Amino acid sequence: MDFFFGFNFQRGSIVDTMGDIIVNAIGALLVSFAGYIYMKEGKKNIISRLIISFINKNPLLFRSMKQETPEEKILKLIKNGESESLEFKSTLRTNLHTNEIDKKVEYAALKTIVAYLNSKGGNLLIGVTDKGEIEGIEKDNFQSNDKLNLHFTNLLKTKIGHQYLPLINFKIINVDTKHVLKIDCEPSDKPVFLKIEGEEEFYIRNGPSSAKLSGSELVNYIE
């Protein structure tokens, strides 16, 4: 302001300080721009390599940057509670009232996955009750985790479609001596239908639940 408009804010005493602030601002702008390019392009440049090298050489200064373990991430999700992008299911296929395999239980999990794909994505935790208590997938009585993975993959292929598998990532995680099936879904750019008994059903997320759309509602939503 003093230089361009002839004001006298500095009063001749802080010229050096103002110069330092201006240089710092320019430097911050350049580094911020480089960071933006890095985040947008996903490429490492000389600045990012220097930062990574500095972090690796000074781990004590960056304790807060320690990555969470899969178990810690699960517990954090459970603590947040169910929402539009998070839902809990006690089992994948077992009816806890009868202790028998129930297709309706599988259907409920698949319905949630389809709703996530047709909306903004989300997480489904199987082995966790509605109250956030960890029951574990052991109640589904699979012979091994590999058998569960194979069964679940076949469900996705036959009931949703193999072309959508890249949008669905799932993993069995050990939490408090029990196992939880964590399913991460990314949004699809095409409508996804759930195939049930020769018919196709369409679901979206509506708050913490999945809503079925049909008829004009379905047409309007897809448009």
C-alpha atoms as a PDB file:
ATOM      1  CA  MET A   1       0.000   0.000   0.000  1.00  0.00           C
ATOM      2  CA  ASP A   2       2.868   2.368   0.861  1.00  0.00           C
ATOM      3  CA  PHE A   3       4.778   1.602  -2.328  1.00  0.00           C
ATOM      4  CA  PHE A   4       1.903   1.736  -4.803  1.00  0.00           C
ATOM      5  CA  PHE A   5      -0.417   4.303  -3.216  1.00  0.00           C
ATOM      6  CA  GLY A   6       1.934   6.515  -1.207  1.00  0.00           C
ATOM      7  CA  PHE A   7       0.496   5.615   2.203  1.00  0.00           C
ATOM      8  CA  ASN A   8       2.672   5.679   5.322  1.00  0.00           C
ATOM      9  CA  PHE A   9       1.638   2.523   7.163  1.00  0.00           C
ATOM     10  CA  GLN A  10       5.227   1.376   7.725  1.00  0.00           C
ATOM     11  CA  ARG A  11       6.380   4.702   9.105  1.00  0.00           C
ATOM     12  CA  GLY A  12       9.942   3.762   8.153  1.00  0.00           C
ATOM     13  CA  SER A  13      10.409   1.126  10.871  1.00  0.00           C
ATOM     14  CA  ILE A  14       9.297  -2.243   9.477  1.00  0.00           C
ATOM     15  CA  VAL A  15      10.468  -2.229   5.889  1.00  0.00           C
ATOM     16  CA  ASP A  16      12.579  -5.359   6.383  1.00  0.00           C
ATOM     17  CA  THR A  17       9.709  -7.187   8.116  1.00  0.00           C
ATOM     18  CA  MET A  18       7.299  -6.395   5.319  1.00  0.00           C
ATOM     19  CA  GLY A  19       9.843  -7.581   2.765  1.00  0.00           C
ATOM     20  CA  ASP A  20      10.223 -10.875   4.621  1.00  0.00           C
ATOM     21  CA  ILE A  21       6.443 -11.370   4.782  1.00  0.00           C
ATOM     22  CA  ILE A  22       6.083 -10.738   1.045  1.00  0.00           C
ATOM     23  CA  VAL A  23       8.869 -13.203   0.192  1.00  0.00           C
ATOM     24  CA  ASN A  24       7.357 -15.806   2.540  1.00  0.00           C
ATOM     25  CA  ALA A  25       3.954 -15.361   0.922  1.00  0.00           C
ATOM     26  CA  ILE A  26       5.425 -15.869  -2.553  1.00  0.00           C
ATOM     27  CA  GLY A  27       7.253 -18.996  -1.373  1.00  0.00           C
ATOM     28  CA  ALA A  28       4.092 -20.383   0.240  1.00  0.00           C
ATOM     29  CA  LEU A  29       2.176 -19.747  -2.982  1.00  0.00           C
ATOM     30  CA  LEU A  30       4.752 -21.613  -5.067  1.00  0.00           C
ATOM     31  CA  VAL A  31       4.839 -24.604  -2.706  1.00  0.00           C
ATOM     32  CA  SER A  32       1.025 -24.695  -2.508  1.00  0.00           C
ATOM     33  CA  PHE A  33       0.813 -24.682  -6.293  1.00  0.00           C
ATOM     34  CA  ALA A  34       3.325 -27.540  -6.507  1.00  0.00           C
ATOM     35  CA  GLY A  35       1.286 -29.448  -3.915  1.00  0.00           C
ATOM     36  CA  TYR A  36      -1.890 -28.899  -5.916  1.00  0.00           C
ATOM     37  CA  ILE A  37      -0.257 -30.257  -9.072  1.00  0.00           C
ATOM     38  CA  TYR A  38       1.017 -33.273  -7.132  1.00  0.00           C
ATOM     39  CA  MET A  39      -2.440 -34.059  -5.716  1.00  0.00           C
ATOM     40  CA  LYS A  40      -4.141 -33.570  -9.072  1.00  0.00           C
ATOM     41  CA  GLU A  41      -1.706 -35.552 -11.191  1.00  0.00           C
ATOM     42  CA  GLY A  42      -0.588 -38.084  -8.567  1.00  0.00           C
ATOM     43  CA  LYS A  43       3.018 -37.732  -9.677  1.00  0.00           C
ATOM     44  CA  LYS A  44       6.050 -37.289  -7.480  1.00  0.00           C
ATOM     45  CA  ASN A  45       8.181 -34.259  -8.180  1.00  0.00           C
ATOM     46  CA  ILE A  46      11.356 -32.969  -6.577  1.00  0.00           C
ATOM     47  CA  ILE A  47       9.445 -31.169  -3.804  1.00  0.00           C
ATOM     48  CA  SER A  48       7.457 -34.246  -2.807  1.00  0.00           C
ATOM     49  CA  ARG A  49      10.628 -36.363  -2.797  1.00  0.00           C
ATOM     50  CA  LEU A  50      12.326 -33.853  -0.486  1.00  0.00           C
ATOM     51  CA  ILE A  51       9.318 -33.828   1.855  1.00  0.00           C
ATOM     52  CA  ILE A  52       9.129 -37.630   1.969  1.00  0.00           C
ATOM     53  CA  SER A  53      12.860 -37.828   2.612  1.00  0.00           C
ATOM     54  CA  PHE A  54      12.582 -35.309   5.450  1.00  0.00           C
ATOM     55  CA  ILE A  55       9.701 -37.227   7.058  1.00  0.00           C
ATOM     56  CA  ASN A  56      11.610 -40.522   6.860  1.00  0.00           C
ATOM     57  CA  LYS A  57      14.697 -38.954   8.462  1.00  0.00           C
ATOM     58  CA  ASN A  58      12.697 -37.283  11.256  1.00  0.00           C
ATOM     59  CA  PRO A  59       9.995 -39.759  12.329  1.00  0.00           C
ATOM     60  CA  LEU A  60       9.729 -38.314  15.837  1.00  0.00           C
ATOM     61  CA  LEU A  61       8.437 -35.033  14.398  1.00  0.00           C
ATOM     62  CA  PHE A  62       5.594 -36.813  12.616  1.00  0.00           C
ATOM     63  CA  ARG A  63       4.204 -39.262  15.163  1.00  0.00           C
ATOM     64  CA  SER A  64       0.657 -38.079  14.434  1.00  0.00           C
ATOM     65  CA  MET A  65       1.060 -39.208  10.814  1.00  0.00           C
ATOM     66  CA  LYS A  66       1.245 -42.878  11.834  1.00  0.00           C
ATOM     67  CA  GLN A  67      -1.164 -44.895   9.727  1.00  0.00           C
ATOM     68  CA  GLU A  68      -4.070 -46.586  11.461  1.00  0.00           C
ATOM     69  CA  THR A  69      -4.141 -50.369  11.494  1.00  0.00           C
ATOM     70  CA  PRO A  70      -7.100 -52.134   9.808  1.00  0.00           C
ATOM     71  CA  GLU A  71      -8.442 -53.012  13.267  1.00  0.00           C
ATOM     72  CA  GLU A  72      -8.250 -49.373  14.392  1.00  0.00           C
ATOM     73  CA  LYS A  73     -10.073 -48.252  11.233  1.00  0.00           C
ATOM     74  CA  ILE A  74     -12.872 -50.769  11.866  1.00  0.00           C
ATOM     75  CA  LEU A  75     -13.289 -49.675  15.485  1.00  0.00           C
ATOM     76  CA  LYS A  76     -13.337 -46.033  14.389  1.00  0.00           C
ATOM     77  CA  LEU A  77     -16.062 -46.750  11.828  1.00  0.00           C
ATOM     78  CA  ILE A  78     -18.139 -48.622  14.392  1.00  0.00           C
ATOM     79  CA  LYS A  79     -17.789 -45.754  16.836  1.00  0.00           C
ATOM     80  CA  ASN A  80     -19.214 -43.341  14.239  1.00  0.00           C
ATOM     81  CA  GLY A  81     -22.364 -45.444  13.945  1.00  0.00           C
ATOM     82  CA  GLU A  82     -24.554 -46.236  10.941  1.00  0.00           C
ATOM     83  CA  SER A  83     -25.147 -43.524   8.366  1.00  0.00           C
ATOM     84  CA  GLU A  84     -25.857 -43.001   4.680  1.00  0.00           C
ATOM     85  CA  SER A  85     -22.403 -44.388   3.861  1.00  0.00           C
ATOM     86  CA  LEU A  86     -22.034 -46.975   6.650  1.00  0.00           C
ATOM     87  CA  GLU A  87     -24.174 -49.972   7.587  1.00  0.00           C
ATOM     88  CA  PHE A  88     -23.758 -52.958   9.909  1.00  0.00           C
ATOM     89  CA  LYS A  89     -24.922 -56.544   9.356  1.00  0.00           C
ATOM     90  CA  SER A  90     -24.597 -59.272  11.980  1.00  0.00           C
ATOM     91  CA  THR A  91     -24.081 -62.093   9.458  1.00  0.00           C
ATOM     92  CA  LEU A  92     -23.760 -62.712   5.753  1.00  0.00           C
ATOM     93  CA  ARG A  93     -26.093 -65.704   5.418  1.00  0.00           C
ATOM     94  CA  THR A  94     -27.163 -67.002   8.846  1.00  0.00           C
ATOM     95  CA  ASN A  95     -30.495 -66.171  10.446  1.00  0.00           C
ATOM     96  CA  LEU A  96     -29.634 -65.626  14.114  1.00  0.00           C
ATOM     97  CA  HIS A  97     -33.166 -66.538  15.207  1.00  0.00           C
ATOM     98  CA  THR A  98     -33.097 -69.973  13.571  1.00  0.00           C
ATOM     99  CA  ASN A  99     -29.298 -70.449  13.287  1.00  0.00           C
ATOM    100  CA  GLU A 100     -29.864 -71.632   9.733  1.00  0.00           C
ATOM    101  CA  ILE A 101     -28.731 -70.345   6.343  1.00  0.00           C
ATOM    102  CA  ASP A 102     -31.279 -67.837   5.068  1.00  0.00           C
ATOM    103  CA  LYS A 103     -31.266 -66.384   1.534  1.00  0.00           C
ATOM    104  CA  LYS A 104     -33.091 -63.305   2.857  1.00  0.00           C
ATOM    105  CA  VAL A 105     -30.050 -62.439   4.979  1.00  0.00           C
ATOM    106  CA  GLU A 106     -27.780 -62.612   1.917  1.00  0.00           C
ATOM    107  CA  TYR A 107     -30.341 -60.561   0.007  1.00  0.00           C
ATOM    108  CA  ALA A 108     -30.201 -57.789   2.657  1.00  0.00           C
ATOM    109  CA  ALA A 109     -26.414 -57.475   2.338  1.00  0.00           C
ATOM    110  CA  LEU A 110     -26.511 -57.469  -1.479  1.00  0.00           C
ATOM    111  CA  LYS A 111     -29.275 -54.862  -1.442  1.00  0.00           C
ATOM    112  CA  THR A 112     -27.046 -52.528   0.579  1.00  0.00           C
ATOM    113  CA  ILE A 113     -24.130 -53.026  -1.821  1.00  0.00           C
ATOM    114  CA  VAL A 114     -26.282 -52.243  -4.869  1.00  0.00           C
ATOM    115  CA  ALA A 115     -27.628 -49.127  -3.123  1.00  0.00           C
ATOM    116  CA  TYR A 116     -24.066 -47.931  -2.470  1.00  0.00           C
ATOM    117  CA  LEU A 117     -23.103 -48.503  -6.107  1.00  0.00           C
ATOM    118  CA  ASN A 118     -26.111 -46.495  -7.279  1.00  0.00           C
ATOM    119  CA  SER A 119     -25.441 -43.660  -4.832  1.00  0.00           C
ATOM    120  CA  LYS A 120     -22.223 -42.178  -3.470  1.00  0.00           C
ATOM    121  CA  GLY A 121     -20.554 -45.396  -2.332  1.00  0.00           C
ATOM    122  CA  GLY A 122     -20.064 -46.552   1.237  1.00  0.00           C
ATOM    123  CA  ASN A 123     -18.925 -49.230   3.680  1.00  0.00           C
ATOM    124  CA  LEU A 124     -20.699 -52.380   4.834  1.00  0.00           C
ATOM    125  CA  LEU A 125     -19.410 -54.202   7.923  1.00  0.00           C
ATOM    126  CA  ILE A 126     -20.598 -57.800   8.266  1.00  0.00           C
ATOM    127  CA  GLY A 127     -20.107 -59.296  11.719  1.00  0.00           C
ATOM    128  CA  VAL A 128     -21.275 -56.182  13.580  1.00  0.00           C
ATOM    129  CA  THR A 129     -24.728 -55.780  15.142  1.00  0.00           C
ATOM    130  CA  ASP A 130     -26.968 -52.745  14.726  1.00  0.00           C
ATOM    131  CA  LYS A 131     -25.826 -51.652  18.200  1.00  0.00           C
ATOM    132  CA  GLY A 132     -22.175 -51.676  17.125  1.00  0.00           C
ATOM    133  CA  GLU A 133     -21.269 -54.901  18.944  1.00  0.00           C
ATOM    134  CA  ILE A 134     -18.728 -57.148  17.224  1.00  0.00           C
ATOM    135  CA  GLU A 135     -20.231 -60.619  16.775  1.00  0.00           C
ATOM    136  CA  GLY A 136     -17.861 -61.784  14.058  1.00  0.00           C
ATOM    137  CA  ILE A 137     -18.556 -63.698  10.852  1.00  0.00           C
ATOM    138  CA  GLU A 138     -17.849 -66.970  12.651  1.00  0.00           C
ATOM    139  CA  LYS A 139     -21.631 -67.433  13.027  1.00  0.00           C
ATOM    140  CA  ASP A 140     -21.880 -67.924   9.271  1.00  0.00           C
ATOM    141  CA  ASN A 141     -20.084 -71.242   9.802  1.00  0.00           C
ATOM    142  CA  PHE A 142     -17.803 -71.193   6.782  1.00  0.00           C
ATOM    143  CA  GLN A 143     -15.057 -73.811   6.842  1.00  0.00           C
ATOM    144  CA  SER A 144     -12.445 -71.107   6.332  1.00  0.00           C
ATOM    145  CA  ASN A 145     -12.080 -67.459   5.381  1.00  0.00           C
ATOM    146  CA  ASP A 146     -11.113 -68.565   1.878  1.00  0.00           C
ATOM    147  CA  LYS A 147     -14.441 -70.384   1.556  1.00  0.00           C
ATOM    148  CA  LEU A 148     -16.258 -67.231   2.650  1.00  0.00           C
ATOM    149  CA  ASN A 149     -14.326 -65.101   0.136  1.00  0.00           C
ATOM    150  CA  LEU A 150     -15.156 -67.539  -2.672  1.00  0.00           C
ATOM    151  CA  HIS A 151     -18.840 -67.692  -1.706  1.00  0.00           C
ATOM    152  CA  PHE A 152     -19.129 -63.920  -1.490  1.00  0.00           C
ATOM    153  CA  THR A 153     -17.360 -63.408  -4.827  1.00  0.00           C
ATOM    154  CA  ASN A 154     -19.764 -65.823  -6.512  1.00  0.00           C
ATOM    155  CA  LEU A 155     -22.706 -63.945  -4.973  1.00  0.00           C
ATOM    156  CA  LEU A 156     -21.453 -60.669  -6.421  1.00  0.00           C
ATOM    157  CA  LYS A 157     -20.940 -62.201  -9.857  1.00  0.00           C
ATOM    158  CA  THR A 158     -24.339 -63.901 -10.090  1.00  0.00           C
ATOM    159  CA  LYS A 159     -26.554 -61.408  -8.248  1.00  0.00           C
ATOM    160  CA  ILE A 160     -24.940 -58.077  -9.238  1.00  0.00           C
ATOM    161  CA  GLY A 161     -22.581 -58.717 -12.151  1.00  0.00           C
ATOM    162  CA  HIS A 162     -18.896 -59.438 -12.620  1.00  0.00           C
ATOM    163  CA  GLN A 163     -18.408 -56.115 -14.420  1.00  0.00           C
ATOM    164  CA  TYR A 164     -18.957 -54.305 -11.120  1.00  0.00           C
ATOM    165  CA  LEU A 165     -16.356 -56.272  -9.144  1.00  0.00           C
ATOM    166  CA  PRO A 166     -13.678 -53.547  -9.594  1.00  0.00           C
ATOM    167  CA  LEU A 167     -15.972 -51.176  -7.663  1.00  0.00           C
ATOM    168  CA  ILE A 168     -16.332 -53.570  -4.709  1.00  0.00           C
ATOM    169  CA  ASN A 169     -13.372 -54.215  -2.431  1.00  0.00           C
ATOM    170  CA  PHE A 170     -13.736 -56.563   0.519  1.00  0.00           C
ATOM    171  CA  LYS A 171     -11.434 -57.933   3.162  1.00  0.00           C
ATOM    172  CA  ILE A 172     -11.717 -60.024   6.317  1.00  0.00           C
ATOM    173  CA  ILE A 173     -10.187 -58.184   9.279  1.00  0.00           C
ATOM    174  CA  ASN A 174      -9.347 -59.568  12.708  1.00  0.00           C
ATOM    175  CA  VAL A 175     -10.940 -57.401  15.421  1.00  0.00           C
ATOM    176  CA  ASP A 176     -10.890 -58.347  19.121  1.00  0.00           C
ATOM    177  CA  THR A 177     -10.197 -62.050  18.369  1.00  0.00           C
ATOM    178  CA  LYS A 178     -13.151 -62.107  15.940  1.00  0.00           C
ATOM    179  CA  HIS A 179     -13.400 -61.494  12.213  1.00  0.00           C
ATOM    180  CA  VAL A 180     -15.301 -58.744  10.410  1.00  0.00           C
ATOM    181  CA  LEU A 181     -15.950 -58.642   6.667  1.00  0.00           C
ATOM    182  CA  LYS A 182     -15.344 -55.062   5.518  1.00  0.00           C
ATOM    183  CA  ILE A 183     -16.850 -54.181   2.131  1.00  0.00           C
ATOM    184  CA  ASP A 184     -15.958 -50.883   0.433  1.00  0.00           C
ATOM    185  CA  CYS A 185     -18.121 -49.776  -2.505  1.00  0.00           C
ATOM    186  CA  GLU A 186     -17.373 -47.037  -4.994  1.00  0.00           C
ATOM    187  CA  PRO A 187     -20.152 -45.259  -6.922  1.00  0.00           C
ATOM    188  CA  SER A 188     -20.978 -46.613 -10.372  1.00  0.00           C
ATOM    189  CA  ASP A 189     -21.502 -44.387 -13.418  1.00  0.00           C
ATOM    190  CA  LYS A 190     -24.072 -46.887 -14.713  1.00  0.00           C
ATOM    191  CA  PRO A 191     -27.295 -48.157 -13.085  1.00  0.00           C
ATOM    192  CA  VAL A 192     -26.734 -51.354 -11.083  1.00  0.00           C
ATOM    193  CA  PHE A 193     -29.513 -53.906 -10.582  1.00  0.00           C
ATOM    194  CA  LEU A 194     -29.880 -56.736  -8.089  1.00  0.00           C
ATOM    195  CA  LYS A 195     -30.922 -60.005  -9.765  1.00  0.00           C
ATOM    196  CA  ILE A 196     -33.417 -61.892  -7.573  1.00  0.00           C
ATOM    197  CA  GLU A 197     -35.462 -64.875  -8.794  1.00  0.00           C
ATOM    198  CA  GLY A 198     -35.356 -63.866 -12.433  1.00  0.00           C
ATOM    199  CA  GLU A 199     -36.161 -60.207 -11.761  1.00  0.00           C
ATOM    200  CA  GLU A 200     -34.033 -57.088 -11.427  1.00  0.00           C
ATOM    201  CA  GLU A 201     -34.376 -54.619  -8.567  1.00  0.00           C
ATOM    202  CA  PHE A 202     -32.906 -51.130  -8.227  1.00  0.00           C
ATOM    203  CA  TYR A 203     -31.848 -49.603  -4.899  1.00  0.00           C
ATOM    204  CA  ILE A 204     -30.363 -46.321  -3.700  1.00  0.00           C
ATOM    205  CA  ARG A 205     -29.296 -45.053  -0.289  1.00  0.00           C
ATOM    206  CA  ASN A 206     -31.878 -43.059   1.618  1.00  0.00           C
ATOM    207  CA  GLY A 207     -30.255 -41.948   4.863  1.00  0.00           C
ATOM    208  CA  PRO A 208     -29.030 -45.000   6.832  1.00  0.00           C
ATOM    209  CA  SER A 209     -31.193 -47.419   4.804  1.00  0.00           C
ATOM    210  CA  SER A 210     -31.629 -48.685   1.245  1.00  0.00           C
ATOM    211  CA  ALA A 211     -34.708 -47.696  -0.759  1.00  0.00           C
ATOM    212  CA  LYS A 212     -36.131 -49.613  -3.713  1.00  0.00           C
ATOM    213  CA  LEU A 213     -37.128 -47.590  -6.777  1.00  0.00           C
ATOM    214  CA  SER A 214     -39.403 -48.747  -9.585  1.00  0.00           C
ATOM    215  CA  GLY A 215     -41.634 -47.351 -12.301  1.00  0.00           C
ATOM    216  CA  SER A 216     -41.503 -43.600 -12.856  1.00  0.00           C
ATOM    217  CA  GLU A 217     -39.361 -43.071  -9.748  1.00  0.00           C
ATOM    218  CA  LEU A 218     -36.677 -45.308 -11.257  1.00  0.00           C
ATOM    219  CA  VAL A 219     -36.817 -43.595 -14.662  1.00  0.00           C
ATOM    220  CA  ASN A 220     -36.613 -40.120 -13.135  1.00  0.00           C
ATOM    221  CA  TYR A 221     -33.740 -41.082 -10.848  1.00  0.00           C
ATOM    222  CA  ILE A 222     -31.623 -42.600 -13.616  1.00  0.00           C
ATOM    223  CA  GLU A 223     -32.266 -39.591 -15.874  1.00  0.00           C
END
